[in-house]
Amino acid sequence: MRAFEKLCNGLAAHRAMLWVAGVVATAAFLALSYGSGGGIFSAQAQAGGEPGSAAASSFSEPQKRDIEAIVRTYFLKNPKLLLEVEKELKKLVAEEEAAAMKKSIAKNADFLFRRANAPMAGNPQGDIPIVEFFDFNCGYCKRSFKDINALLAKDPKVKVLFMDYPILSKGSLEASKVALAARNQGKYWEIHKALLSHRGGGVDGKVALKVAKSLGLDMAKLTKDMESPEIKAEIEKIQALAQSMDINGTPHFIVGDRNIPGAPSNLLNQILKNVSELRAKGCSVC
C-alpha cells in the first residue's frame, strides 16, 4: 500500500510540475514577444543594454507588473494553450524517461535476461525475452495474466521471465517465497499460474502451500527451501533493482530494451508489436 501511495503521489507531483513548467514557458514566451516588439527590451537597449544581456534581463517592478498583466490576460483569452504546453511537455518527459529506461535496462541486462535459474515460462532459448515485475496480490497482474498466456500460445519463440516483486502485503512475500522454492522442484510455473488465477480472497503463505500440496510437491523440502538465504537474497535483489529502475508498481513489463508499465487494455498487442519490431531491427541487450 505504501508503494501504491508513493506512486500516486509521484504522479500528482509530476502533473503539478508539468503545469508549473507550462506557466513558466508561456510567460517567458510572452515576455520575449513583448520585448521584441519594441517594448521592455527595446527601452532597455536604448538605455544602454543589449537584448539578452544582463542589463536587458533585469526588469523594474513596474515592468514586471506589466508582464504579469499581459500573461494573465493572455491566459484568460487562451486557456487551451496551457493544455497544449502540458501535452508537449508530457511527450518530452515520456521520451526522456524511455531513454533513461533503455540505459537502465542495458546496465542490468544480465540480471534481467540472463539470471541463472530465473523463473520463466515459454521457450528457454527464446529470441526475445519479456520480463514481468509482479505481485501475487496485484489485481492488474491477475488481469494481465490472460495476456501472458495468450502470448505464450501465439508465439512459441518468446520467453517470459518473472521477477517476484512482493510489495503489496506480507502475504505477497510469503507466496513469492513458496513459488521460488517450488522452482527447485521444477514447479514454479505451475504455482505461478495457480496463484494468479486464485479467486476468493488474498494470496498468502497458507494459500500457496495448499496449492503446492495439491500439485504433489515434497512439502518438507519446500518449507525448508522457502526460508533459505538464497531466496531471501533474490527477492531483496529484485526489490533493489526495481527501485533503481524507478519501477514503483506492478505489473511492469520489459520487452527487450523497451518497457510497458501497468496493464493497458491492449497489453498483448503492445507486446507483440514490440517483439515484432525487435526481431526486425535486432535487440542489443537480449
C-alpha atoms as a PDB file:
ATOM      1  CA  MET A   1       0.000   0.000   0.000  1.00  0.00           C
ATOM      2  CA  ARG A   2       2.831   2.398   0.785  1.00  0.00           C
ATOM      3  CA  ALA A   3       4.316   1.759  -2.646  1.00  0.00           C
ATOM      4  CA  PHE A   4       0.943   2.478  -4.270  1.00  0.00           C
ATOM      5  CA  GLU A   5       0.593   5.746  -2.338  1.00  0.00           C
ATOM      6  CA  LYS A   6       4.127   6.691  -3.317  1.00  0.00           C
ATOM      7  CA  LEU A   7       3.274   6.062  -6.959  1.00  0.00           C
ATOM      8  CA  CYS A   8       0.101   8.165  -6.764  1.00  0.00           C
ATOM      9  CA  ASN A   9       1.911  10.998  -5.019  1.00  0.00           C
ATOM     10  CA  GLY A  10       4.617  10.837  -7.656  1.00  0.00           C
ATOM     11  CA  LEU A  11       2.097  11.124 -10.449  1.00  0.00           C
ATOM     12  CA  ALA A  12       0.396  14.074  -8.768  1.00  0.00           C
ATOM     13  CA  ALA A  13       3.711  15.820  -8.274  1.00  0.00           C
ATOM     14  CA  HIS A  14       4.641  15.109 -11.881  1.00  0.00           C
ATOM     15  CA  ARG A  15       1.410  16.683 -13.147  1.00  0.00           C
ATOM     16  CA  ALA A  16       1.964  19.731 -10.950  1.00  0.00           C
ATOM     17  CA  MET A  17       5.485  20.068 -12.295  1.00  0.00           C
ATOM     18  CA  LEU A  18       4.193  19.999 -15.861  1.00  0.00           C
ATOM     19  CA  TRP A  19       1.605  22.653 -15.064  1.00  0.00           C
ATOM     20  CA  VAL A  20       4.140  24.993 -13.478  1.00  0.00           C
ATOM     21  CA  ALA A  21       6.566  24.417 -16.328  1.00  0.00           C
ATOM     22  CA  GLY A  22       3.815  25.301 -18.779  1.00  0.00           C
ATOM     23  CA  VAL A  23       3.097  28.565 -16.985  1.00  0.00           C
ATOM     24  CA  VAL A  24       6.769  29.482 -16.861  1.00  0.00           C
ATOM     25  CA  ALA A  25       7.359  28.602 -20.511  1.00  0.00           C
ATOM     26  CA  THR A  26       4.345  30.568 -21.661  1.00  0.00           C
ATOM     27  CA  ALA A  27       5.246  33.551 -19.501  1.00  0.00           C
ATOM     28  CA  ALA A  28       8.770  33.548 -20.898  1.00  0.00           C
ATOM     29  CA  PHE A  29       7.455  33.390 -24.462  1.00  0.00           C
ATOM     30  CA  LEU A  30       5.104  36.291 -23.897  1.00  0.00           C
ATOM     31  CA  ALA A  31       7.754  38.365 -22.176  1.00  0.00           C
ATOM     32  CA  LEU A  32      10.145  37.821 -25.071  1.00  0.00           C
ATOM     33  CA  SER A  33       7.427  38.596 -27.614  1.00  0.00           C
ATOM     34  CA  TYR A  34       6.578  41.809 -25.805  1.00  0.00           C
ATOM     35  CA  GLY A  35      10.215  42.828 -25.690  1.00  0.00           C
ATOM     36  CA  SER A  36      10.910  42.083 -29.373  1.00  0.00           C
ATOM     37  CA  GLY A  37       8.069  44.366 -30.398  1.00  0.00           C
ATOM     38  CA  GLY A  38       9.803  47.487 -29.123  1.00  0.00           C
ATOM     39  CA  GLY A  39       8.587  47.297 -25.521  1.00  0.00           C
ATOM     40  CA  ILE A  40      10.649  46.496 -22.480  1.00  0.00           C
ATOM     41  CA  PHE A  41      13.748  45.098 -24.174  1.00  0.00           C
ATOM     42  CA  SER A  42      13.754  47.943 -26.680  1.00  0.00           C
ATOM     43  CA  ALA A  43      13.538  50.508 -23.906  1.00  0.00           C
ATOM     44  CA  GLN A  44      16.430  48.902 -22.039  1.00  0.00           C
ATOM     45  CA  ALA A  45      18.507  48.722 -25.218  1.00  0.00           C
ATOM     46  CA  GLN A  46      18.032  52.453 -25.618  1.00  0.00           C
ATOM     47  CA  ALA A  47      19.284  52.891 -22.057  1.00  0.00           C
ATOM     48  CA  GLY A  48      22.496  51.097 -22.931  1.00  0.00           C
ATOM     49  CA  GLY A  49      21.611  47.397 -22.532  1.00  0.00           C
ATOM     50  CA  GLU A  50      21.530  44.902 -25.380  1.00  0.00           C
ATOM     51  CA  PRO A  51      18.636  42.389 -25.606  1.00  0.00           C
ATOM     52  CA  GLY A  52      19.815  39.193 -23.938  1.00  0.00           C
ATOM     53  CA  SER A  53      22.459  40.969 -21.850  1.00  0.00           C
ATOM     54  CA  ALA A  54      22.458  41.051 -18.046  1.00  0.00           C
ATOM     55  CA  ALA A  55      21.041  44.573 -18.147  1.00  0.00           C
ATOM     56  CA  ALA A  56      18.224  43.576 -20.505  1.00  0.00           C
ATOM     57  CA  SER A  57      17.239  40.644 -18.303  1.00  0.00           C
ATOM     58  CA  SER A  58      16.695  42.808 -15.225  1.00  0.00           C
ATOM     59  CA  PHE A  59      13.186  44.262 -15.045  1.00  0.00           C
ATOM     60  CA  SER A  60      11.944  47.033 -12.834  1.00  0.00           C
ATOM     61  CA  GLU A  61       8.912  46.440 -10.654  1.00  0.00           C
ATOM     62  CA  PRO A  62       6.553  48.357 -12.988  1.00  0.00           C
ATOM     63  CA  GLN A  63       7.866  46.321 -15.932  1.00  0.00           C
ATOM     64  CA  LYS A  64       7.310  43.064 -14.036  1.00  0.00           C
ATOM     65  CA  ARG A  65       3.739  44.120 -13.282  1.00  0.00           C
ATOM     66  CA  ASP A  66       3.218  44.895 -16.956  1.00  0.00           C
ATOM     67  CA  ILE A  67       4.446  41.442 -17.960  1.00  0.00           C
ATOM     68  CA  GLU A  68       2.276  39.748 -15.328  1.00  0.00           C
ATOM     69  CA  ALA A  69      -0.755  41.633 -16.591  1.00  0.00           C
ATOM     70  CA  ILE A  70      -0.008  40.609 -20.190  1.00  0.00           C
ATOM     71  CA  VAL A  71       0.443  36.965 -19.189  1.00  0.00           C
ATOM     72  CA  ARG A  72      -2.746  36.932 -17.141  1.00  0.00           C
ATOM     73  CA  THR A  73      -4.778  38.482 -19.943  1.00  0.00           C
ATOM     74  CA  TYR A  74      -3.313  36.090 -22.487  1.00  0.00           C
ATOM     75  CA  PHE A  75      -4.071  33.035 -20.311  1.00  0.00           C
ATOM     76  CA  LEU A  76      -7.664  34.160 -19.795  1.00  0.00           C
ATOM     77  CA  LYS A  77      -8.158  34.617 -23.524  1.00  0.00           C
ATOM     78  CA  ASN A  78      -6.294  31.411 -24.480  1.00  0.00           C
ATOM     79  CA  PRO A  79      -6.756  28.867 -21.647  1.00  0.00           C
ATOM     80  CA  LYS A  80      -6.270  25.917 -24.004  1.00  0.00           C
ATOM     81  CA  LEU A  81      -2.683  26.987 -24.552  1.00  0.00           C
ATOM     82  CA  LEU A  82      -1.650  25.532 -21.204  1.00  0.00           C
ATOM     83  CA  LEU A  83      -3.163  22.176 -22.164  1.00  0.00           C
ATOM     84  CA  GLU A  84      -1.150  22.208 -25.381  1.00  0.00           C
ATOM     85  CA  VAL A  85       2.021  23.051 -23.495  1.00  0.00           C
ATOM     86  CA  GLU A  86       1.301  20.330 -20.949  1.00  0.00           C
ATOM     87  CA  LYS A  87       0.749  17.793 -23.742  1.00  0.00           C
ATOM     88  CA  GLU A  88       4.078  18.611 -25.362  1.00  0.00           C
ATOM     89  CA  LEU A  89       5.868  18.542 -22.003  1.00  0.00           C
ATOM     90  CA  LYS A  90       4.369  15.126 -21.236  1.00  0.00           C
ATOM     91  CA  LYS A  91       5.600  13.899 -24.604  1.00  0.00           C
ATOM     92  CA  LEU A  92       9.070  15.251 -23.899  1.00  0.00           C
ATOM     93  CA  VAL A  93       9.157  13.735 -20.404  1.00  0.00           C
ATOM     94  CA  ALA A  94       7.957  10.366 -21.773  1.00  0.00           C
ATOM     95  CA  GLU A  95      10.737  10.388 -24.367  1.00  0.00           C
ATOM     96  CA  GLU A  96      13.343  11.229 -21.739  1.00  0.00           C
ATOM     97  CA  GLU A  97      12.027   8.547 -19.385  1.00  0.00           C
ATOM     98  CA  ALA A  98      12.098   5.966 -22.193  1.00  0.00           C
ATOM     99  CA  ALA A  99      15.705   6.878 -22.988  1.00  0.00           C
ATOM    100  CA  ALA A 100      16.668   6.616 -19.315  1.00  0.00           C
ATOM    101  CA  MET A 101      14.911   3.243 -19.058  1.00  0.00           C
ATOM    102  CA  LYS A 102      16.809   1.921 -22.089  1.00  0.00           C
ATOM    103  CA  LYS A 103      20.082   2.818 -20.375  1.00  0.00           C
ATOM    104  CA  SER A 104      18.937   1.173 -17.150  1.00  0.00           C
ATOM    105  CA  ILE A 105      17.870  -1.989 -18.969  1.00  0.00           C
ATOM    106  CA  ALA A 106      21.235  -2.191 -20.734  1.00  0.00           C
ATOM    107  CA  LYS A 107      23.060  -1.701 -17.435  1.00  0.00           C
ATOM    108  CA  ASN A 108      21.099  -4.508 -15.746  1.00  0.00           C
ATOM    109  CA  ALA A 109      20.664  -6.782 -18.771  1.00  0.00           C
ATOM    110  CA  ASP A 110      22.498  -9.759 -17.287  1.00  0.00           C
ATOM    111  CA  PHE A 111      20.246  -9.944 -14.249  1.00  0.00           C
ATOM    112  CA  LEU A 112      17.094  -9.144 -16.197  1.00  0.00           C
ATOM    113  CA  PHE A 113      17.605 -11.574 -19.067  1.00  0.00           C
ATOM    114  CA  ARG A 114      20.386 -13.997 -18.174  1.00  0.00           C
ATOM    115  CA  ARG A 115      19.956 -14.644 -14.471  1.00  0.00           C
ATOM    116  CA  ALA A 116      20.814 -18.234 -13.564  1.00  0.00           C
ATOM    117  CA  ASN A 117      17.789 -20.350 -12.700  1.00  0.00           C
ATOM    118  CA  ALA A 118      15.382 -17.477 -13.332  1.00  0.00           C
ATOM    119  CA  PRO A 119      11.705 -18.463 -13.026  1.00  0.00           C
ATOM    120  CA  MET A 120      10.263 -18.454 -16.515  1.00  0.00           C
ATOM    121  CA  ALA A 121       7.696 -19.745 -18.986  1.00  0.00           C
ATOM    122  CA  GLY A 122       7.836 -20.297 -22.714  1.00  0.00           C
ATOM    123  CA  ASN A 123      10.903 -21.127 -24.774  1.00  0.00           C
ATOM    124  CA  PRO A 124      14.122 -21.293 -22.693  1.00  0.00           C
ATOM    125  CA  GLN A 125      16.076 -20.383 -25.849  1.00  0.00           C
ATOM    126  CA  GLY A 126      13.555 -17.730 -26.863  1.00  0.00           C
ATOM    127  CA  ASP A 127      14.926 -14.941 -29.031  1.00  0.00           C
ATOM    128  CA  ILE A 128      13.038 -12.071 -27.369  1.00  0.00           C
ATOM    129  CA  PRO A 129      12.742 -12.013 -23.560  1.00  0.00           C
ATOM    130  CA  ILE A 130       9.767 -10.460 -21.785  1.00  0.00           C
ATOM    131  CA  VAL A 131      10.357  -9.631 -18.123  1.00  0.00           C
ATOM    132  CA  GLU A 132       7.457  -9.084 -15.730  1.00  0.00           C
ATOM    133  CA  PHE A 133       7.701  -7.497 -12.294  1.00  0.00           C
ATOM    134  CA  PHE A 134       4.595  -8.689 -10.461  1.00  0.00           C
ATOM    135  CA  ASP A 135       2.893  -9.257  -7.112  1.00  0.00           C
ATOM    136  CA  PHE A 136       0.629 -12.253  -6.493  1.00  0.00           C
ATOM    137  CA  ASN A 137      -1.975  -9.965  -4.868  1.00  0.00           C
ATOM    138  CA  CYS A 138      -1.943  -7.381  -7.621  1.00  0.00           C
ATOM    139  CA  GLY A 139      -5.322  -7.196  -9.338  1.00  0.00           C
ATOM    140  CA  TYR A 140      -3.814  -5.789 -12.512  1.00  0.00           C
ATOM    141  CA  CYS A 141      -1.257  -8.614 -12.551  1.00  0.00           C
ATOM    142  CA  LYS A 142      -4.137 -11.082 -12.405  1.00  0.00           C
ATOM    143  CA  ARG A 143      -5.868  -9.250 -15.259  1.00  0.00           C
ATOM    144  CA  SER A 144      -2.737  -9.206 -17.428  1.00  0.00           C
ATOM    145  CA  PHE A 145      -2.085 -12.898 -16.787  1.00  0.00           C
ATOM    146  CA  LYS A 146      -4.524 -13.864 -19.552  1.00  0.00           C
ATOM    147  CA  ASP A 147      -2.456 -11.791 -21.991  1.00  0.00           C
ATOM    148  CA  ILE A 148       0.728 -13.594 -20.958  1.00  0.00           C
ATOM    149  CA  ASN A 149      -0.973 -16.942 -21.511  1.00  0.00           C
ATOM    150  CA  ALA A 150      -2.208 -15.749 -24.906  1.00  0.00           C
ATOM    151  CA  LEU A 151       1.288 -14.545 -25.794  1.00  0.00           C
ATOM    152  CA  LEU A 152       2.832 -17.933 -24.972  1.00  0.00           C
ATOM    153  CA  ALA A 153       0.195 -19.699 -27.043  1.00  0.00           C
ATOM    154  CA  LYS A 154       0.607 -17.325 -30.000  1.00  0.00           C
ATOM    155  CA  ASP A 155       4.393 -17.037 -30.124  1.00  0.00           C
ATOM    156  CA  PRO A 156       6.463 -20.161 -29.355  1.00  0.00           C
ATOM    157  CA  LYS A 157       9.750 -18.269 -29.742  1.00  0.00           C
ATOM    158  CA  VAL A 158       9.430 -15.907 -26.778  1.00  0.00           C
ATOM    159  CA  LYS A 159      10.376 -16.495 -23.178  1.00  0.00           C
ATOM    160  CA  VAL A 160       8.779 -14.763 -20.204  1.00  0.00           C
ATOM    161  CA  LEU A 161      10.966 -14.167 -17.147  1.00  0.00           C
ATOM    162  CA  PHE A 162       9.285 -13.447 -13.820  1.00  0.00           C
ATOM    163  CA  MET A 163      10.518 -11.016 -11.190  1.00  0.00           C
ATOM    164  CA  ASP A 164       8.778 -11.697  -7.886  1.00  0.00           C
ATOM    165  CA  TYR A 165       8.240  -8.194  -6.534  1.00  0.00           C
ATOM    166  CA  PRO A 166       6.028  -8.601  -3.433  1.00  0.00           C
ATOM    167  CA  ILE A 167       5.236  -5.009  -2.457  1.00  0.00           C
ATOM    168  CA  LEU A 168       1.560  -5.126  -1.526  1.00  0.00           C
ATOM    169  CA  SER A 169       1.465  -7.247   1.626  1.00  0.00           C
ATOM    170  CA  LYS A 170       3.182  -9.740   3.875  1.00  0.00           C
ATOM    171  CA  GLY A 171       1.059 -12.407   2.214  1.00  0.00           C
ATOM    172  CA  SER A 172       2.571 -11.494  -1.143  1.00  0.00           C
ATOM    173  CA  LEU A 173       6.057 -12.056   0.261  1.00  0.00           C
ATOM    174  CA  GLU A 174       5.056 -15.429   1.714  1.00  0.00           C
ATOM    175  CA  ALA A 175       3.554 -16.525  -1.597  1.00  0.00           C
ATOM    176  CA  SER A 176       6.657 -15.492  -3.544  1.00  0.00           C
ATOM    177  CA  LYS A 177       8.873 -17.476  -1.207  1.00  0.00           C
ATOM    178  CA  VAL A 178       6.738 -20.578  -1.768  1.00  0.00           C
ATOM    179  CA  ALA A 179       6.744 -20.110  -5.552  1.00  0.00           C
ATOM    180  CA  LEU A 180      10.504 -19.571  -5.718  1.00  0.00           C
ATOM    181  CA  ALA A 181      11.089 -22.614  -3.517  1.00  0.00           C
ATOM    182  CA  ALA A 182       8.870 -24.671  -5.840  1.00  0.00           C
ATOM    183  CA  ARG A 183      11.295 -23.811  -8.633  1.00  0.00           C
ATOM    184  CA  ASN A 184      13.752 -26.244  -7.013  1.00  0.00           C
ATOM    185  CA  GLN A 185      11.228 -28.984  -7.803  1.00  0.00           C
ATOM    186  CA  GLY A 186      10.502 -27.735 -11.314  1.00  0.00           C
ATOM    187  CA  LYS A 187       7.045 -26.379 -10.391  1.00  0.00           C
ATOM    188  CA  TYR A 188       7.406 -22.609 -10.387  1.00  0.00           C
ATOM    189  CA  TRP A 189       5.238 -22.016 -13.456  1.00  0.00           C
ATOM    190  CA  GLU A 190       2.504 -24.319 -12.164  1.00  0.00           C
ATOM    191  CA  ILE A 191       2.296 -22.469  -8.843  1.00  0.00           C
ATOM    192  CA  HIS A 192       2.581 -19.102 -10.579  1.00  0.00           C
ATOM    193  CA  LYS A 193      -0.423 -19.913 -12.761  1.00  0.00           C
ATOM    194  CA  ALA A 194      -2.470 -21.216  -9.854  1.00  0.00           C
ATOM    195  CA  LEU A 195      -1.803 -18.230  -7.590  1.00  0.00           C
ATOM    196  CA  LEU A 196      -2.501 -15.597 -10.247  1.00  0.00           C
ATOM    197  CA  SER A 197      -5.716 -17.445 -11.092  1.00  0.00           C
ATOM    198  CA  HIS A 198      -6.753 -17.650  -7.430  1.00  0.00           C
ATOM    199  CA  ARG A 199     -10.098 -16.103  -6.562  1.00  0.00           C
ATOM    200  CA  GLY A 200     -11.900 -15.740  -3.276  1.00  0.00           C
ATOM    201  CA  GLY A 201      -9.539 -13.722  -1.132  1.00  0.00           C
ATOM    202  CA  GLY A 202      -5.931 -12.689  -0.937  1.00  0.00           C
ATOM    203  CA  VAL A 203      -2.930 -14.878  -1.597  1.00  0.00           C
ATOM    204  CA  ASP A 204      -0.582 -15.668   1.278  1.00  0.00           C
ATOM    205  CA  GLY A 205       1.679 -18.438   2.517  1.00  0.00           C
ATOM    206  CA  LYS A 206      -1.197 -20.714   3.537  1.00  0.00           C
ATOM    207  CA  VAL A 207      -2.867 -20.446   0.153  1.00  0.00           C
ATOM    208  CA  ALA A 208       0.436 -21.011  -1.649  1.00  0.00           C
ATOM    209  CA  LEU A 209       1.320 -24.056   0.452  1.00  0.00           C
ATOM    210  CA  LYS A 210      -2.124 -25.521  -0.167  1.00  0.00           C
ATOM    211  CA  VAL A 211      -1.602 -25.115  -3.906  1.00  0.00           C
ATOM    212  CA  ALA A 212       1.857 -26.664  -3.654  1.00  0.00           C
ATOM    213  CA  LYS A 213       0.467 -29.683  -1.824  1.00  0.00           C
ATOM    214  CA  SER A 214      -2.240 -30.151  -4.452  1.00  0.00           C
ATOM    215  CA  LEU A 215       0.488 -30.196  -7.102  1.00  0.00           C
ATOM    216  CA  GLY A 216       2.270 -33.029  -5.339  1.00  0.00           C
ATOM    217  CA  LEU A 217       5.400 -31.205  -4.200  1.00  0.00           C
ATOM    218  CA  ASP A 218       7.680 -32.516  -1.484  1.00  0.00           C
ATOM    219  CA  MET A 219       6.380 -30.307   1.312  1.00  0.00           C
ATOM    220  CA  ALA A 220       9.246 -30.918   3.726  1.00  0.00           C
ATOM    221  CA  LYS A 221      11.765 -29.811   1.112  1.00  0.00           C
ATOM    222  CA  LEU A 222       9.561 -26.892   0.063  1.00  0.00           C
ATOM    223  CA  THR A 223       9.155 -25.453   3.569  1.00  0.00           C
ATOM    224  CA  LYS A 224      12.903 -25.719   4.115  1.00  0.00           C
ATOM    225  CA  ASP A 225      13.816 -24.158   0.770  1.00  0.00           C
ATOM    226  CA  MET A 226      11.415 -21.235   1.096  1.00  0.00           C
ATOM    227  CA  GLU A 227      13.304 -19.962   4.147  1.00  0.00           C
ATOM    228  CA  SER A 228      16.720 -20.276   2.546  1.00  0.00           C
ATOM    229  CA  PRO A 229      19.113 -17.299   2.473  1.00  0.00           C
ATOM    230  CA  GLU A 230      19.275 -17.626  -1.319  1.00  0.00           C
ATOM    231  CA  ILE A 231      15.575 -16.920  -1.817  1.00  0.00           C
ATOM    232  CA  LYS A 232      15.636 -14.049   0.666  1.00  0.00           C
ATOM    233  CA  ALA A 233      18.615 -12.532  -1.161  1.00  0.00           C
ATOM    234  CA  GLU A 234      16.942 -12.993  -4.549  1.00  0.00           C
ATOM    235  CA  ILE A 235      13.802 -11.126  -3.516  1.00  0.00           C
ATOM    236  CA  GLU A 236      15.856  -8.332  -1.960  1.00  0.00           C
ATOM    237  CA  LYS A 237      17.922  -8.060  -5.145  1.00  0.00           C
ATOM    238  CA  ILE A 238      14.767  -7.736  -7.252  1.00  0.00           C
ATOM    239  CA  GLN A 239      13.367  -5.085  -4.920  1.00  0.00           C
ATOM    240  CA  ALA A 240      16.603  -3.077  -5.079  1.00  0.00           C
ATOM    241  CA  LEU A 241      16.725  -3.413  -8.857  1.00  0.00           C
ATOM    242  CA  ALA A 242      13.122  -2.268  -9.277  1.00  0.00           C
ATOM    243  CA  GLN A 243      13.718   0.781  -7.114  1.00  0.00           C
ATOM    244  CA  SER A 244      16.895   1.673  -9.007  1.00  0.00           C
ATOM    245  CA  MET A 245      14.908   1.494 -12.264  1.00  0.00           C
ATOM    246  CA  ASP A 246      12.015   3.567 -10.845  1.00  0.00           C
ATOM    247  CA  ILE A 247       9.621   0.634 -11.096  1.00  0.00           C
ATOM    248  CA  ASN A 248       7.256   1.513  -8.275  1.00  0.00           C
ATOM    249  CA  GLY A 249       4.185  -0.541  -9.144  1.00  0.00           C
ATOM    250  CA  THR A 250       3.050  -3.824 -10.629  1.00  0.00           C
ATOM    251  CA  PRO A 251       2.786  -5.170 -13.180  1.00  0.00           C
ATOM    252  CA  HIS A 252       5.660  -3.731 -15.153  1.00  0.00           C
ATOM    253  CA  PHE A 253       6.836  -5.368 -18.369  1.00  0.00           C
ATOM    254  CA  ILE A 254      10.179  -5.105 -20.109  1.00  0.00           C
ATOM    255  CA  VAL A 255      10.313  -6.285 -23.715  1.00  0.00           C
ATOM    256  CA  GLY A 256      13.907  -6.292 -24.865  1.00  0.00           C
ATOM    257  CA  ASP A 257      15.085  -2.710 -24.368  1.00  0.00           C
ATOM    258  CA  ARG A 258      11.537  -1.323 -24.068  1.00  0.00           C
ATOM    259  CA  ASN A 259       9.109  -1.172 -21.188  1.00  0.00           C
ATOM    260  CA  ILE A 260       5.352  -1.236 -20.657  1.00  0.00           C
ATOM    261  CA  PRO A 261       4.230  -0.009 -17.223  1.00  0.00           C
ATOM    262  CA  GLY A 262       0.919  -1.224 -15.843  1.00  0.00           C
ATOM    263  CA  ALA A 263      -1.661  -3.400 -17.554  1.00  0.00           C
ATOM    264  CA  PRO A 264      -3.068  -1.497 -20.547  1.00  0.00           C
ATOM    265  CA  SER A 265      -6.159  -2.943 -22.188  1.00  0.00           C
ATOM    266  CA  ASN A 266      -4.139  -3.673 -25.334  1.00  0.00           C
ATOM    267  CA  LEU A 267      -1.203  -5.233 -23.488  1.00  0.00           C
ATOM    268  CA  LEU A 268      -0.985  -8.307 -25.721  1.00  0.00           C
ATOM    269  CA  ASN A 269      -0.927  -6.201 -28.881  1.00  0.00           C
ATOM    270  CA  GLN A 270       1.722  -3.901 -27.424  1.00  0.00           C
ATOM    271  CA  ILE A 271       3.967  -6.834 -26.513  1.00  0.00           C
ATOM    272  CA  LEU A 272       3.505  -8.491 -29.915  1.00  0.00           C
ATOM    273  CA  LYS A 273       4.262  -5.217 -31.696  1.00  0.00           C
ATOM    274  CA  ASN A 274       7.448  -4.695 -29.692  1.00  0.00           C
ATOM    275  CA  VAL A 275       8.547  -8.287 -30.219  1.00  0.00           C
ATOM    276  CA  SER A 276       7.981  -7.993 -33.976  1.00  0.00           C
ATOM    277  CA  GLU A 277       9.942  -4.731 -34.184  1.00  0.00           C
ATOM    278  CA  LEU A 278      12.808  -6.102 -32.122  1.00  0.00           C
ATOM    279  CA  ARG A 279      13.056  -9.164 -34.351  1.00  0.00           C
ATOM    280  CA  ALA A 280      13.199  -6.934 -37.406  1.00  0.00           C
ATOM    281  CA  LYS A 281      15.658  -4.378 -36.021  1.00  0.00           C
ATOM    282  CA  GLY A 282      17.592  -6.547 -33.590  1.00  0.00           C
ATOM    283  CA  CYS A 283      17.825  -6.405 -29.817  1.00  0.00           C
ATOM    284  CA  SER A 284      21.131  -5.112 -28.494  1.00  0.00           C
ATOM    285  CA  VAL A 285      20.513  -6.148 -24.883  1.00  0.00           C
ATOM    286  CA  CYS A 286      18.760  -9.506 -25.293  1.00  0.00           C
END
